[in-house]
Amino acid sequence: MDKIYKKFRIAALLIEEIFGQLSTEGETELKNWKEEHQQTYNYLHEWENYKTRKSQLSKIDVSKEWQVFLRRNHQRGGTRFHWGRVFKYAALVFIILSFSSISYWLLYPPEKKVVKEVVPVEIPHGERKAELILSNGQSIQLYPSYVNILKEADGTVIYNDSAMISYEGAGKDDINKSNTILYNTLNIARGGEYFLVLNDGTKVWLNSLSALKYPVVFTGKERIVELTGEAYFEVSHDPAHPFIVKNNSYDIEVLGTSFNISCYDKDDVVTTLAEGHIKILNIKGAEKADYNLSKNDQLILSYTDQSVKVQKVDARTYSSWKNGSFCFENETLGKIFQKLERWYNIDVIFKSEEARSYDFTGILPRFENFEIILEMLETISDVKFSVDGHTVVIDKK
């Protein structure tokens, strides 16, 4: 129980530090914590929307709410935590993401034990794996432990090594002789991810349940690829040859930039720009206009009514998956478990629609086994989980 208090205590000290309310005793305590958690501390102060969150947190009387939290969760005759109340008051003392409770797990890694209500089950996290379909239809399974050196019909050499696939060899002059464009497709199953470097130097990170179709060598005036699922692109700059990402809902045109796009079947299509500029073209549905996006712009095409929304976000939140974390900002439990389903290769059943609509903000480790993720969520929320094989049932407590 002391560990739980300590987690909340550190969060309160972080807030007091921001607003200049830190006492000498608190400063010493926080300094000792930072010595063991410097990376976490640095992350807090790098967050791009920090000023906005500080403005929101400035409305909170930290000392008052901290004392209320302690008073309401400590009873004579024994110490007991009421997690429904913790969920409410954690939002008032955690600094990482405003109005959050899940984020305190960033402060201290969880102990690897399973909460009683969670059935012990070995559901491992996803891994780096993919299927490469060559131009002749041949299927090649890719893993980090395998080294593959393949050759396409046009002479292009394909290298697979250390969870990365890249293309070298044939140039445009060689391709022009045959007038034939060869295509490869990289498929990522549930529970997988992979990294790809295209012939022009463009880097692509592909998430679970995704596929990218692309030319072995780019020719012509445009560099065109086709995506389903989710990917993060760092496009090689070439003003004379725009790079176009096609999906089932619209086209994205870029010259050289970085962005994340999520375009899963029967879900909203979300494009988030990290650097540079992109243009959204040929939107299917009610909206016909084109959109120009700049850094930290996000365009959401609704699956339900085909409406379009453009908003400012911290783009790093939406590409954190490629760096080993799940970052959520005011996302429902339903949306969160859509992502966890793909990464952990599980099936999820909500017995409570209210539980599905709960909002969370925070960070979860991507390369952590699933029972630890459930422990985190169950400990700081008003939901409970039961696991049967690879099926997870979610209900209110």
Protein backbone atom coordinates (compact mmCIF):
# COMPACT_ATOMS: atom_id res chain seq x y z
CA MET A 1 0.00 0.00 0.00
CA ASP A 2 2.91 2.34 0.75
CA LYS A 3 4.03 1.90 -2.87
CA ILE A 4 0.66 3.14 -4.12
CA TYR A 5 0.86 6.21 -1.89
CA LYS A 6 4.38 6.85 -3.10
CA LYS A 7 3.27 6.78 -6.74
CA PHE A 8 0.62 9.40 -6.07
CA ARG A 9 2.98 11.40 -3.88
CA ILE A 10 5.55 11.70 -6.69
CA ALA A 11 2.84 12.82 -9.11
CA ALA A 12 1.81 15.54 -6.67
CA LEU A 13 5.42 16.70 -6.27
CA LEU A 14 5.77 16.95 -10.04
CA ILE A 15 2.76 19.24 -10.17
CA GLU A 16 4.05 21.36 -7.27
CA GLU A 17 7.39 21.71 -9.08
CA ILE A 18 5.67 23.09 -12.17
CA PHE A 19 3.82 25.78 -10.24
CA GLY A 20 6.67 26.70 -7.90
CA GLN A 21 4.95 25.19 -4.84
CA LEU A 22 7.65 22.63 -4.05
CA SER A 23 8.96 22.69 -0.48
CA THR A 24 12.59 22.00 0.46
CA GLU A 25 11.57 18.57 1.74
CA GLY A 26 9.60 17.87 -1.44
CA GLU A 27 12.50 19.02 -3.58
CA THR A 28 14.79 16.48 -1.90
CA GLU A 29 12.23 13.71 -2.29
CA LEU A 30 11.70 14.50 -5.97
CA LYS A 31 15.45 14.72 -6.59
CA ASN A 32 15.92 11.21 -5.21
CA TRP A 33 13.13 9.91 -7.45
CA LYS A 34 14.60 11.60 -10.54
CA GLU A 35 17.93 9.87 -10.02
CA GLU A 36 16.23 6.54 -10.78
CA HIS A 37 13.65 7.81 -13.28
CA GLN A 38 15.47 10.45 -15.32
CA GLN A 39 14.00 9.22 -18.62
CA THR A 40 10.45 9.57 -17.33
CA TYR A 41 11.19 13.03 -15.94
CA ASN A 42 12.68 14.16 -19.26
CA TYR A 43 9.63 12.88 -21.12
CA LEU A 44 7.35 15.00 -18.96
CA HIS A 45 9.23 18.14 -19.86
CA GLU A 46 9.50 17.34 -23.56
CA TRP A 47 5.75 16.96 -24.09
CA GLU A 48 4.78 19.41 -26.81
CA ASN A 49 1.39 20.35 -25.37
CA TYR A 50 2.98 21.03 -21.99
CA LYS A 51 1.89 24.68 -21.77
CA THR A 52 -1.71 23.77 -22.50
CA ARG A 53 -1.70 21.11 -19.82
CA LYS A 54 -0.07 23.48 -17.36
CA SER A 55 -2.90 25.93 -18.00
CA GLN A 56 -5.47 23.25 -17.28
CA LEU A 57 -3.68 22.06 -14.16
CA SER A 58 -3.33 25.61 -12.82
CA LYS A 59 -7.04 25.53 -11.96
CA ILE A 60 -6.41 22.74 -9.43
CA ASP A 61 -5.64 23.36 -5.76
CA VAL A 62 -3.02 20.63 -5.48
CA SER A 63 -2.64 20.65 -1.67
CA LYS A 64 -6.38 20.59 -1.08
CA GLU A 65 -7.10 17.76 -3.49
CA TRP A 66 -4.15 15.72 -2.24
CA GLN A 67 -5.44 15.92 1.32
CA VAL A 68 -8.95 15.02 0.16
CA PHE A 69 -7.52 12.00 -1.61
CA LEU A 70 -5.64 10.87 1.50
CA ARG A 71 -8.62 11.46 3.81
CA ARG A 72 -11.11 9.62 1.65
CA ASN A 73 -8.90 6.62 1.04
CA HIS A 74 -7.59 6.03 4.55
CA GLN A 75 -9.96 4.69 7.19
CA ARG A 76 -9.43 3.82 10.82
CA GLY A 77 -9.21 0.12 11.46
CA GLY A 78 -7.23 -0.52 8.31
CA THR A 79 -6.08 1.10 5.12
CA ARG A 80 -8.21 0.52 2.06
CA PHE A 81 -8.29 2.06 -1.37
CA HIS A 82 -11.56 2.79 -3.16
CA TRP A 83 -10.52 2.60 -6.78
CA GLY A 84 -13.54 4.47 -8.06
CA ARG A 85 -12.40 7.44 -6.00
CA VAL A 86 -8.78 6.90 -6.98
CA PHE A 87 -9.81 7.17 -10.61
CA LYS A 88 -11.35 10.57 -9.88
CA TYR A 89 -8.59 12.05 -7.75
CA ALA A 90 -5.73 10.59 -9.76
CA ALA A 91 -6.91 12.95 -12.49
CA LEU A 92 -6.16 15.85 -10.16
CA VAL A 93 -2.63 14.88 -9.19
CA PHE A 94 -1.03 13.24 -12.21
CA ILE A 95 1.09 15.50 -14.35
CA ILE A 96 1.86 13.51 -17.45
CA LEU A 97 -1.45 13.93 -19.25
CA SER A 98 -4.21 16.10 -17.89
CA PHE A 99 -7.30 14.44 -16.43
CA SER A 100 -5.73 10.99 -16.44
CA SER A 101 -5.35 8.09 -14.11
CA ILE A 102 -3.66 5.45 -16.17
CA SER A 103 -0.54 7.55 -16.62
CA TYR A 104 0.87 6.93 -13.18
CA TRP A 105 2.23 3.63 -14.46
CA LEU A 106 4.81 5.71 -16.31
CA LEU A 107 6.14 6.84 -12.95
CA TYR A 108 6.88 3.35 -11.65
CA PRO A 109 6.99 0.12 -13.67
CA PRO A 110 4.34 -2.31 -12.38
CA GLU A 111 5.24 -5.40 -10.40
CA LYS A 112 4.76 -8.45 -12.54
CA LYS A 113 1.93 -10.14 -10.70
CA VAL A 114 -1.59 -10.85 -11.82
CA VAL A 115 -4.57 -9.29 -10.08
CA LYS A 116 -6.86 -11.94 -8.60
CA GLU A 117 -9.74 -11.14 -10.91
CA VAL A 118 -7.57 -11.69 -13.99
CA VAL A 119 -7.18 -15.31 -15.02
CA PRO A 120 -3.46 -16.06 -15.44
CA VAL A 121 -2.84 -16.64 -19.11
CA GLU A 122 0.21 -16.33 -21.32
CA ILE A 123 -0.68 -13.84 -24.04
CA PRO A 124 2.60 -12.47 -25.35
CA HIS A 125 2.99 -9.09 -26.98
CA GLY A 126 3.36 -8.76 -30.73
CA GLU A 127 6.64 -9.14 -32.56
CA ARG A 128 8.45 -8.04 -35.68
CA LYS A 129 7.28 -10.33 -38.44
CA ALA A 130 5.80 -9.97 -41.91
CA GLU A 131 4.93 -11.69 -45.17
CA LEU A 132 6.48 -10.43 -48.40
CA ILE A 133 4.64 -11.18 -51.65
CA LEU A 134 6.96 -10.92 -54.66
CA SER A 135 5.86 -9.86 -58.14
CA ASN A 136 5.51 -13.52 -59.21
CA GLY A 137 3.20 -14.29 -56.27
CA GLN A 138 5.81 -16.08 -54.18
CA SER A 139 5.30 -15.67 -50.42
CA ILE A 140 8.32 -15.11 -48.13
CA GLN A 141 8.01 -15.08 -44.32
CA LEU A 142 10.18 -12.41 -42.71
CA TYR A 143 11.56 -12.42 -39.15
CA PRO A 144 14.37 -10.45 -37.47
CA SER A 145 16.34 -13.65 -36.88
CA TYR A 146 16.30 -14.50 -40.60
CA VAL A 147 18.62 -12.97 -43.18
CA ASN A 148 17.04 -13.05 -46.63
CA ILE A 149 18.67 -11.93 -49.87
CA LEU A 150 16.16 -12.11 -52.71
CA LYS A 151 16.21 -11.02 -56.32
CA GLU A 152 13.31 -9.65 -58.35
CA ALA A 153 12.77 -10.24 -62.09
CA ASP A 154 14.20 -6.80 -62.94
CA GLY A 155 17.44 -7.46 -61.04
CA THR A 156 16.52 -5.54 -57.88
CA VAL A 157 18.07 -7.11 -54.79
CA ILE A 158 15.87 -7.31 -51.70
CA TYR A 159 17.57 -7.49 -48.31
CA ASN A 160 15.86 -8.57 -45.10
CA ASP A 161 17.95 -8.22 -41.97
CA SER A 162 17.22 -7.18 -38.36
CA ALA A 163 13.48 -6.56 -38.89
CA MET A 164 14.13 -4.31 -41.89
CA ILE A 165 13.54 -4.92 -45.57
CA SER A 166 15.22 -2.74 -48.21
CA TYR A 167 15.63 -2.58 -52.00
CA GLU A 168 18.82 -1.98 -53.96
CA GLY A 169 20.03 -2.54 -57.48
CA ALA A 170 17.96 -1.90 -60.58
CA GLY A 171 17.63 1.71 -61.67
CA LYS A 172 15.01 3.48 -63.71
CA ASP A 173 16.93 2.92 -66.94
CA ASP A 174 16.72 -0.84 -66.43
CA ILE A 175 12.99 -0.66 -65.73
CA ASN A 176 12.23 1.50 -68.74
CA LYS A 177 13.63 -1.16 -71.06
CA SER A 178 10.82 -3.59 -70.19
CA ASN A 179 7.93 -1.12 -69.69
CA THR A 180 6.82 -3.40 -66.85
CA ILE A 181 6.39 -2.17 -63.28
CA LEU A 182 6.90 -4.91 -60.71
CA TYR A 183 4.99 -4.70 -57.44
CA ASN A 184 5.66 -6.21 -54.03
CA THR A 185 3.23 -6.34 -51.10
CA LEU A 186 4.24 -6.41 -47.44
CA ASN A 187 1.55 -7.98 -45.24
CA ILE A 188 1.52 -7.63 -41.45
CA ALA A 189 -0.72 -10.05 -39.57
CA ARG A 190 -2.28 -9.46 -36.15
CA GLY A 191 0.49 -9.44 -33.56
CA GLY A 192 3.12 -8.14 -35.97
CA GLU A 193 4.95 -5.03 -37.18
CA TYR A 194 7.79 -4.37 -39.63
CA PHE A 195 10.09 -1.71 -41.06
CA LEU A 196 10.57 -1.09 -44.78
CA VAL A 197 12.89 1.12 -46.83
CA LEU A 198 11.58 1.69 -50.36
CA ASN A 199 13.74 2.03 -53.46
CA ASP A 200 13.70 5.85 -53.23
CA GLY A 201 14.86 5.84 -49.60
CA THR A 202 11.39 6.43 -48.09
CA LYS A 203 11.05 4.74 -44.68
CA VAL A 204 7.82 3.01 -43.69
CA TRP A 205 6.83 1.48 -40.36
CA LEU A 206 3.88 -0.89 -40.73
CA ASN A 207 1.63 -1.74 -37.79
CA SER A 208 -0.37 -4.89 -37.07
CA LEU A 209 -3.05 -6.03 -39.52
CA SER A 210 -1.70 -3.79 -42.29
CA ALA A 211 -0.56 -4.16 -45.90
CA LEU A 212 1.43 -1.96 -48.26
CA LYS A 213 1.57 -2.49 -52.03
CA TYR A 214 4.44 -0.66 -53.77
CA PRO A 215 6.59 -0.72 -56.91
CA VAL A 216 9.93 -2.45 -56.62
CA VAL A 217 11.33 0.64 -58.37
CA PHE A 218 9.46 3.94 -58.71
CA THR A 219 9.02 5.14 -62.30
CA GLY A 220 7.00 7.89 -63.93
CA LYS A 221 6.03 11.27 -62.52
CA GLU A 222 4.58 10.02 -59.24
CA ARG A 223 5.62 7.58 -56.53
CA ILE A 224 2.40 5.73 -55.66
CA VAL A 225 1.80 3.16 -52.90
CA GLU A 226 -1.41 1.61 -51.57
CA LEU A 227 -2.07 1.13 -47.85
CA THR A 228 -4.56 -0.68 -45.66
CA GLY A 229 -4.21 -0.60 -41.88
CA GLU A 230 -1.70 1.73 -40.25
CA ALA A 231 1.74 3.03 -41.19
CA TYR A 232 4.16 5.83 -40.40
CA PHE A 233 5.97 7.34 -43.39
CA GLU A 234 9.20 9.32 -43.60
CA VAL A 235 9.10 10.27 -47.27
CA SER A 236 12.31 10.92 -49.17
CA HIS A 237 12.27 14.47 -50.58
CA ASP A 238 11.83 14.63 -54.36
CA PRO A 239 9.83 17.67 -55.59
CA ALA A 240 9.79 16.38 -59.17
CA HIS A 241 8.09 13.14 -58.13
CA PRO A 242 5.29 13.58 -55.54
CA PHE A 243 4.75 10.65 -53.20
CA ILE A 244 1.11 9.51 -53.03
CA VAL A 245 -0.40 7.15 -50.47
CA LYS A 246 -3.72 5.70 -51.59
CA ASN A 247 -6.25 4.09 -49.26
CA ASN A 248 -9.91 3.18 -49.57
CA SER A 249 -11.05 6.65 -48.47
CA TYR A 250 -8.68 9.25 -49.95
CA ASP A 251 -5.22 9.99 -51.35
CA ILE A 252 -2.35 11.69 -49.52
CA GLU A 253 0.13 13.68 -51.62
CA VAL A 254 3.52 14.64 -50.22
CA LEU A 255 6.90 15.82 -51.47
CA GLY A 256 9.01 14.90 -48.46
CA THR A 257 7.59 14.72 -44.96
CA SER A 258 6.63 12.51 -42.00
CA PHE A 259 3.12 11.43 -41.08
CA ASN A 260 1.02 8.64 -39.59
CA ILE A 261 -2.09 7.23 -41.22
CA SER A 262 -4.57 4.78 -39.74
CA CYS A 263 -7.06 3.41 -42.28
CA TYR A 264 -8.40 0.16 -40.90
CA ASP A 265 -11.55 -1.38 -42.33
CA LYS A 266 -14.81 -0.16 -40.74
CA ASP A 267 -13.06 2.53 -38.70
CA ASP A 268 -12.32 6.24 -38.91
CA VAL A 269 -9.47 7.16 -41.25
CA VAL A 270 -7.00 9.31 -39.32
CA THR A 271 -3.99 11.13 -40.82
CA THR A 272 -1.62 12.94 -38.46
CA LEU A 273 1.22 15.10 -39.77
CA ALA A 274 4.50 15.13 -37.81
CA GLU A 275 6.65 17.25 -40.14
CA GLY A 276 6.29 19.17 -43.41
CA HIS A 277 3.07 19.54 -45.42
CA ILE A 278 0.66 17.12 -47.05
CA LYS A 279 -2.47 17.42 -49.16
CA ILE A 280 -5.55 15.22 -48.73
CA LEU A 281 -7.17 14.56 -52.11
CA ASN A 282 -10.14 12.70 -53.60
CA ILE A 283 -12.05 12.16 -50.36
CA LYS A 284 -14.84 9.63 -50.84
CA GLY A 285 -18.24 10.44 -49.36
CA ALA A 286 -20.09 13.66 -48.64
CA GLU A 287 -17.00 15.90 -48.36
CA LYS A 288 -15.42 16.77 -51.72
CA ALA A 289 -12.94 19.48 -50.74
CA ASP A 290 -9.17 18.96 -50.60
CA TYR A 291 -7.27 19.74 -47.39
CA ASN A 292 -3.75 21.05 -46.80
CA LEU A 293 -2.24 19.93 -43.49
CA SER A 294 0.74 21.35 -41.65
CA LYS A 295 2.71 20.13 -38.63
CA ASN A 296 0.56 18.60 -35.85
CA ASP A 297 -2.60 18.81 -37.96
CA GLN A 298 -4.85 15.78 -37.87
CA LEU A 299 -7.62 14.96 -40.33
CA ILE A 300 -10.32 12.49 -39.28
CA LEU A 301 -12.73 11.04 -41.82
CA SER A 302 -15.64 9.54 -39.88
CA TYR A 303 -16.59 5.99 -40.78
CA THR A 304 -20.20 6.47 -39.66
CA ASP A 305 -21.19 9.64 -41.57
CA GLN A 306 -18.15 10.49 -43.78
CA SER A 307 -17.78 13.87 -42.10
CA VAL A 308 -14.34 15.48 -41.97
CA LYS A 309 -12.71 17.03 -38.93
CA VAL A 310 -9.33 18.80 -38.81
CA GLN A 311 -7.73 19.51 -35.44
CA LYS A 312 -4.40 20.30 -33.80
CA VAL A 313 -2.77 17.47 -31.82
CA ASP A 314 0.61 16.34 -30.58
CA ALA A 315 1.60 14.13 -33.51
CA ARG A 316 3.95 12.07 -31.36
CA THR A 317 0.98 10.61 -29.51
CA TYR A 318 -0.24 8.98 -32.72
CA SER A 319 3.10 7.58 -33.85
CA SER A 320 4.29 6.36 -30.45
CA TRP A 321 3.47 2.78 -31.43
CA LYS A 322 6.54 2.65 -33.69
CA ASN A 323 8.71 3.62 -30.72
CA GLY A 324 7.39 0.94 -28.35
CA SER A 325 4.52 2.68 -26.53
CA PHE A 326 0.76 3.03 -26.71
CA CYS A 327 -0.17 6.68 -26.06
CA PHE A 328 -3.83 7.52 -25.52
CA GLU A 329 -5.39 10.96 -25.22
CA ASN A 330 -9.04 10.98 -24.16
CA GLU A 331 -9.64 7.67 -25.94
CA THR A 332 -12.44 5.33 -24.99
CA LEU A 333 -11.72 1.89 -23.65
CA GLY A 334 -13.40 0.56 -26.79
CA LYS A 335 -10.90 2.36 -29.05
CA ILE A 336 -7.98 1.34 -26.86
CA PHE A 337 -8.89 -2.33 -27.05
CA GLN A 338 -9.20 -2.16 -30.82
CA LYS A 339 -5.46 -1.43 -30.83
CA LEU A 340 -4.68 -4.02 -28.18
CA GLU A 341 -6.66 -6.64 -30.12
CA ARG A 342 -4.45 -6.17 -33.17
CA TRP A 343 -1.17 -6.15 -31.27
CA TYR A 344 -1.88 -9.01 -28.84
CA ASN A 345 -3.93 -11.07 -31.30
CA ILE A 346 -6.91 -11.31 -28.95
CA ASP A 347 -10.69 -11.06 -29.21
CA VAL A 348 -12.53 -8.63 -26.92
CA ILE A 349 -16.11 -8.75 -25.66
CA PHE A 350 -17.68 -5.83 -23.77
CA LYS A 351 -20.46 -6.90 -21.42
CA SER A 352 -21.00 -3.27 -20.46
CA GLU A 353 -21.44 -0.45 -22.97
CA GLU A 354 -20.67 1.98 -20.17
CA ALA A 355 -17.27 0.37 -19.69
CA ARG A 356 -16.65 0.61 -23.44
CA SER A 357 -17.19 4.38 -23.31
CA TYR A 358 -14.81 5.09 -20.39
CA ASP A 359 -12.17 7.66 -21.40
CA PHE A 360 -8.48 7.20 -20.67
CA THR A 361 -5.36 9.27 -21.21
CA GLY A 362 -1.89 7.93 -20.67
CA ILE A 363 0.87 5.60 -21.77
CA LEU A 364 1.17 1.81 -21.85
CA PRO A 365 4.29 -0.20 -22.74
CA ARG A 366 3.87 -1.92 -26.11
CA PHE A 367 6.35 -4.74 -25.45
CA GLU A 368 4.78 -5.92 -22.21
CA ASN A 369 2.89 -9.17 -21.84
CA PHE A 370 -0.86 -8.81 -21.84
CA GLU A 371 -1.57 -9.79 -18.23
CA ILE A 372 0.55 -6.85 -17.08
CA ILE A 373 -1.49 -4.48 -19.26
CA LEU A 374 -4.71 -5.83 -17.75
CA GLU A 375 -3.30 -5.42 -14.26
CA MET A 376 -2.52 -1.78 -14.99
CA LEU A 377 -5.98 -1.04 -16.37
CA GLU A 378 -7.87 -2.94 -13.70
CA THR A 379 -5.96 -1.42 -10.81
CA ILE A 380 -6.66 2.19 -11.74
CA SER A 381 -10.11 1.97 -13.29
CA ASP A 382 -13.65 0.89 -12.60
CA VAL A 383 -13.57 -2.14 -14.91
CA LYS A 384 -12.76 -5.81 -14.48
CA PHE A 385 -11.47 -8.40 -16.91
CA SER A 386 -11.81 -12.14 -17.36
CA VAL A 387 -9.66 -14.08 -19.80
CA ASP A 388 -10.45 -17.37 -21.50
CA GLY A 389 -7.71 -18.37 -23.88
CA HIS A 390 -7.33 -15.39 -26.22
CA THR A 391 -10.78 -13.96 -25.46
CA VAL A 392 -11.05 -11.05 -23.04
CA VAL A 393 -14.38 -10.12 -21.44
CA ILE A 394 -14.68 -6.58 -20.03
CA ASP A 395 -17.32 -5.44 -17.54
CA LYS A 396 -17.90 -2.83 -14.84
CA LYS A 397 -16.73 -3.64 -11.34
